[in-house]
């Protein structure tokens, strides 16, 4: 896919980017090359290829999901200005 100067200027306007007129040709070439690569990648037959989350066969070591701290809500709420039924009360901000 080939982009011309008008396409680049329109893309820059939509993206709210300021591009110097001297750089428009370079942007057109680079973006055209990127779009050509995307077209080339889309033409590859991926039928039967299993999607993967990582290119290597690795397994993440996980730790046991265990509680390491005790419930300290009452201690924390004892110094709070206002609480009710285990919740912190705050002044209304939006009317």
Protein backbone atom coordinates (compact mmCIF):
# COMPACT_ATOMS: atom_id res chain seq x y z
CA UNK A 1 0.00 0.00 0.00
CA UNK A 2 1.40 3.33 -0.98
CA UNK A 3 0.59 6.53 0.87
CA UNK A 4 0.97 9.94 -0.71
CA UNK A 5 1.60 13.34 0.86
CA UNK A 6 -2.11 14.11 1.21
CA UNK A 7 -2.67 10.84 3.11
CA UNK A 8 0.17 11.67 5.49
CA UNK A 9 -1.13 15.18 6.10
CA UNK A 10 -4.63 13.81 6.76
CA UNK A 11 -3.29 11.18 9.18
CA UNK A 12 -1.24 13.84 10.97
CA UNK A 13 -4.30 16.08 11.23
CA UNK A 14 -6.42 13.24 12.66
CA UNK A 15 -3.67 12.40 15.15
CA UNK A 16 -3.22 16.09 15.93
CA UNK A 17 0.47 15.93 15.04
CA UNK A 18 2.44 18.74 13.47
CA UNK A 19 4.67 17.50 10.65
CA UNK A 20 7.04 19.70 8.71
CA UNK A 21 6.45 19.67 4.96
CA UNK A 22 10.06 18.57 4.44
CA UNK A 23 9.42 15.39 6.47
CA UNK A 24 6.19 14.33 4.74
CA UNK A 25 7.97 12.27 2.07
CA UNK A 26 9.95 10.34 4.70
CA UNK A 27 6.79 9.66 6.69
CA UNK A 28 5.02 8.47 3.55
CA UNK A 29 7.84 6.05 2.74
CA UNK A 30 8.09 4.70 6.30
CA UNK A 31 4.35 4.28 6.80
CA UNK A 32 3.98 2.66 3.38
CA UNK A 33 6.73 0.19 4.28
CA UNK A 34 4.99 -0.61 7.58
CA UNK A 35 1.66 -1.19 5.83
CA UNK A 36 3.37 -3.38 3.22
CA UNK A 37 4.86 -5.47 6.03
CA UNK A 38 1.44 -5.82 7.65
CA UNK A 39 -0.05 -6.96 4.33
CA UNK A 40 2.80 -9.46 3.95
CA UNK A 41 2.18 -10.78 7.47
CA UNK A 42 -1.57 -11.06 6.81
CA UNK A 43 -0.90 -13.19 3.73
CA UNK A 44 0.85 -15.88 5.79
CA UNK A 45 -1.26 -19.02 6.26
CA UNK A 46 -1.72 -19.48 10.02
CA UNK A 47 -4.32 -22.25 9.79
CA UNK A 48 -3.64 -24.83 12.47
CA UNK A 49 -1.14 -22.69 14.35
CA UNK A 50 -1.90 -22.64 18.05
CA UNK A 51 -1.80 -19.14 19.58
CA UNK A 52 0.74 -18.78 22.35
CA UNK A 53 1.37 -16.22 25.04
CA UNK A 54 5.15 -16.60 24.93
CA UNK A 55 7.53 -17.76 22.18
CA UNK A 56 9.34 -20.11 24.56
CA UNK A 57 7.94 -23.07 26.46
CA UNK A 58 8.21 -21.58 29.94
CA UNK A 59 6.14 -22.12 33.04
CA UNK A 60 5.72 -19.38 35.58
CA UNK A 61 6.55 -20.42 39.10
CA UNK A 62 3.65 -19.48 41.32
CA UNK A 63 3.62 -19.16 45.07
CA UNK A 64 0.94 -20.62 47.26
CA UNK A 65 -2.08 -18.37 47.65
CA UNK A 66 -2.02 -18.06 51.42
CA UNK A 67 -3.08 -15.30 53.79
CA UNK A 68 0.00 -13.67 55.29
CA UNK A 69 -1.57 -10.80 57.24
CA UNK A 70 -4.33 -10.75 59.78
CA UNK A 71 -7.46 -8.61 59.53
CA UNK A 72 -6.60 -5.22 61.06
CA UNK A 73 -9.69 -3.32 59.98
CA UNK A 74 -10.77 -2.51 63.54
CA UNK A 75 -7.30 -1.15 64.38
CA UNK A 76 -7.27 1.05 61.27
CA UNK A 77 -10.80 2.28 61.77
CA UNK A 78 -10.21 3.11 65.41
CA UNK A 79 -8.19 6.18 64.33
CA UNK A 80 -10.53 7.18 61.48
CA UNK A 81 -12.68 10.30 62.00
CA UNK A 82 -15.96 8.54 61.10
CA UNK A 83 -16.96 4.94 60.40
CA UNK A 84 -20.20 3.04 60.24
CA UNK A 85 -20.77 -0.71 59.83
CA UNK A 86 -17.12 -1.27 58.92
CA UNK A 87 -17.05 1.48 56.28
CA UNK A 88 -15.22 4.81 56.28
CA UNK A 89 -17.54 7.80 56.14
CA UNK A 90 -16.37 10.75 54.07
CA UNK A 91 -17.96 14.14 53.36
CA UNK A 92 -20.07 14.45 50.24
CA UNK A 93 -17.98 15.96 47.44
CA UNK A 94 -20.34 16.02 44.46
CA UNK A 95 -23.74 17.63 44.83
